[in-house]
Amino acid sequence: VTVVFPGAIDTDIAKNSHANDERLQKFRSFKLGITPVAAATQILRAVEKERLHVYVGTDSKALSFLFRQFPNSTIGLMGKVMGAVFPD
């Protein structure tokens, strides 16, 4: 079993989420996500190597580190980021 901790992956999933289109486009302009092919490659390599965890994308690794060091601040930061993109 490999547990996947995905970061931003450049798919169209947010289009179906009722996100604010203008804010979503602004968020996507930062190009934070990796391609679906790159994500799949990372996941398959982790499974082949029988790793317990795989952090997909550098943002996933960074958030994991931040959460371990500053859990409350990281949760607050993510809430603000998600709140700016997705409506209440």
C-alpha atoms as a PDB file:
ATOM      1  CA  VAL A   1       0.000   0.000   0.000  1.00  0.00           C
ATOM      2  CA  THR A   2       1.266   3.449  -0.938  1.00  0.00           C
ATOM      3  CA  VAL A   3      -0.413   6.541   0.482  1.00  0.00           C
ATOM      4  CA  VAL A   4      -0.496   9.416  -2.020  1.00  0.00           C
ATOM      5  CA  PHE A   5      -0.348  13.034  -0.835  1.00  0.00           C
ATOM      6  CA  PRO A   6      -1.160  14.998  -3.985  1.00  0.00           C
ATOM      7  CA  GLY A   7      -0.299  18.601  -4.519  1.00  0.00           C
ATOM      8  CA  ALA A   8      -1.613  20.762  -7.333  1.00  0.00           C
ATOM      9  CA  ILE A   9      -2.019  18.749 -10.511  1.00  0.00           C
ATOM     10  CA  ASP A  10      -2.791  20.659 -13.693  1.00  0.00           C
ATOM     11  CA  THR A  11      -6.200  19.194 -14.552  1.00  0.00           C
ATOM     12  CA  ASP A  12      -9.611  20.717 -15.207  1.00  0.00           C
ATOM     13  CA  ILE A  13     -11.135  19.381 -11.977  1.00  0.00           C
ATOM     14  CA  ALA A  14     -11.678  22.891 -10.606  1.00  0.00           C
ATOM     15  CA  LYS A  15     -13.875  23.830 -13.586  1.00  0.00           C
ATOM     16  CA  ASN A  16     -16.593  21.590 -12.159  1.00  0.00           C
ATOM     17  CA  SER A  17     -16.211  22.878  -8.607  1.00  0.00           C
ATOM     18  CA  HIS A  18     -18.141  26.165  -8.968  1.00  0.00           C
ATOM     19  CA  ALA A  19     -14.948  28.087  -8.286  1.00  0.00           C
ATOM     20  CA  ASN A  20     -14.842  31.791  -9.012  1.00  0.00           C
ATOM     21  CA  ASP A  21     -13.660  31.835 -12.656  1.00  0.00           C
ATOM     22  CA  GLU A  22     -11.628  35.036 -12.373  1.00  0.00           C
ATOM     23  CA  ARG A  23      -9.879  33.947  -9.192  1.00  0.00           C
ATOM     24  CA  LEU A  24      -9.352  30.440 -10.523  1.00  0.00           C
ATOM     25  CA  GLN A  25      -7.637  31.804 -13.633  1.00  0.00           C
ATOM     26  CA  LYS A  26      -5.429  34.001 -11.466  1.00  0.00           C
ATOM     27  CA  PHE A  27      -4.539  30.987  -9.302  1.00  0.00           C
ATOM     28  CA  ARG A  28      -3.779  28.840 -12.371  1.00  0.00           C
ATOM     29  CA  SER A  29      -1.549  31.591 -13.798  1.00  0.00           C
ATOM     30  CA  PHE A  30       1.023  30.757 -11.109  1.00  0.00           C
ATOM     31  CA  LYS A  31       1.588  27.372 -12.832  1.00  0.00           C
ATOM     32  CA  LEU A  32       1.888  25.567  -9.514  1.00  0.00           C
ATOM     33  CA  GLY A  33       0.589  22.219 -10.712  1.00  0.00           C
ATOM     34  CA  ILE A  34       2.482  19.408 -12.335  1.00  0.00           C
ATOM     35  CA  THR A  35       1.151  17.545 -15.346  1.00  0.00           C
ATOM     36  CA  PRO A  36      -1.037  14.488 -14.846  1.00  0.00           C
ATOM     37  CA  VAL A  37       1.639  12.394 -16.597  1.00  0.00           C
ATOM     38  CA  ALA A  38       4.323  13.597 -14.165  1.00  0.00           C
ATOM     39  CA  ALA A  39       2.012  12.883 -11.218  1.00  0.00           C
ATOM     40  CA  ALA A  40       1.274   9.380 -12.480  1.00  0.00           C
ATOM     41  CA  THR A  41       4.977   8.736 -13.017  1.00  0.00           C
ATOM     42  CA  GLN A  42       5.801   9.745  -9.436  1.00  0.00           C
ATOM     43  CA  ILE A  43       3.017   7.568  -8.054  1.00  0.00           C
ATOM     44  CA  LEU A  44       3.972   4.511 -10.123  1.00  0.00           C
ATOM     45  CA  ARG A  45       7.631   4.814  -9.141  1.00  0.00           C
ATOM     46  CA  ALA A  46       6.671   4.975  -5.472  1.00  0.00           C
ATOM     47  CA  VAL A  47       4.463   1.882  -5.807  1.00  0.00           C
ATOM     48  CA  GLU A  48       7.206  -0.014  -7.666  1.00  0.00           C
ATOM     49  CA  LYS A  49       9.680   0.847  -4.902  1.00  0.00           C
ATOM     50  CA  GLU A  50       7.107  -0.185  -2.277  1.00  0.00           C
ATOM     51  CA  ARG A  51       7.215   3.201  -0.554  1.00  0.00           C
ATOM     52  CA  LEU A  52       4.654   3.889   2.140  1.00  0.00           C
ATOM     53  CA  HIS A  53       4.190   7.577   1.225  1.00  0.00           C
ATOM     54  CA  VAL A  54       4.576   9.631  -1.930  1.00  0.00           C
ATOM     55  CA  TYR A  55       4.306  13.419  -2.002  1.00  0.00           C
ATOM     56  CA  VAL A  56       3.283  14.378  -5.529  1.00  0.00           C
ATOM     57  CA  GLY A  57       4.673  17.764  -6.551  1.00  0.00           C
ATOM     58  CA  THR A  58       6.911  20.182  -4.709  1.00  0.00           C
ATOM     59  CA  ASP A  59       3.926  21.996  -3.192  1.00  0.00           C
ATOM     60  CA  SER A  60       2.847  18.774  -1.471  1.00  0.00           C
ATOM     61  CA  LYS A  61       6.330  18.338  -0.008  1.00  0.00           C
ATOM     62  CA  ALA A  62       6.465  21.970   1.107  1.00  0.00           C
ATOM     63  CA  LEU A  63       3.028  21.823   2.747  1.00  0.00           C
ATOM     64  CA  SER A  64       3.956  18.618   4.543  1.00  0.00           C
ATOM     65  CA  PHE A  65       7.060  20.292   5.940  1.00  0.00           C
ATOM     66  CA  LEU A  66       5.179  23.462   6.913  1.00  0.00           C
ATOM     67  CA  PHE A  67       2.381  21.480   8.558  1.00  0.00           C
ATOM     68  CA  ARG A  68       4.850  19.500  10.672  1.00  0.00           C
ATOM     69  CA  GLN A  69       6.583  22.707  11.794  1.00  0.00           C
ATOM     70  CA  PHE A  70       3.607  25.089  12.052  1.00  0.00           C
ATOM     71  CA  PRO A  71       0.331  23.121  11.980  1.00  0.00           C
ATOM     72  CA  ASN A  72      -2.087  25.900  12.955  1.00  0.00           C
ATOM     73  CA  SER A  73      -0.501  28.522  10.721  1.00  0.00           C
ATOM     74  CA  THR A  74      -0.431  26.154   7.748  1.00  0.00           C
ATOM     75  CA  ILE A  75      -4.108  25.269   8.160  1.00  0.00           C
ATOM     76  CA  GLY A  76      -4.953  28.992   8.350  1.00  0.00           C
ATOM     77  CA  LEU A  77      -2.896  29.755   5.258  1.00  0.00           C
ATOM     78  CA  MET A  78      -4.528  26.983   3.235  1.00  0.00           C
ATOM     79  CA  GLY A  79      -7.957  28.147   4.374  1.00  0.00           C
ATOM     80  CA  LYS A  80      -7.221  31.639   3.074  1.00  0.00           C
ATOM     81  CA  VAL A  81      -5.893  30.361  -0.249  1.00  0.00           C
ATOM     82  CA  MET A  82      -8.849  28.032  -0.815  1.00  0.00           C
ATOM     83  CA  GLY A  83     -11.324  30.676   0.361  1.00  0.00           C
ATOM     84  CA  ALA A  84      -9.963  33.118  -2.195  1.00  0.00           C
ATOM     85  CA  VAL A  85     -10.592  30.662  -5.048  1.00  0.00           C
ATOM     86  CA  PHE A  86     -13.727  28.809  -4.010  1.00  0.00           C
ATOM     87  CA  PRO A  87     -16.968  30.498  -2.944  1.00  0.00           C
ATOM     88  CA  ASP A  88     -18.610  29.896   0.413  1.00  0.00           C
END
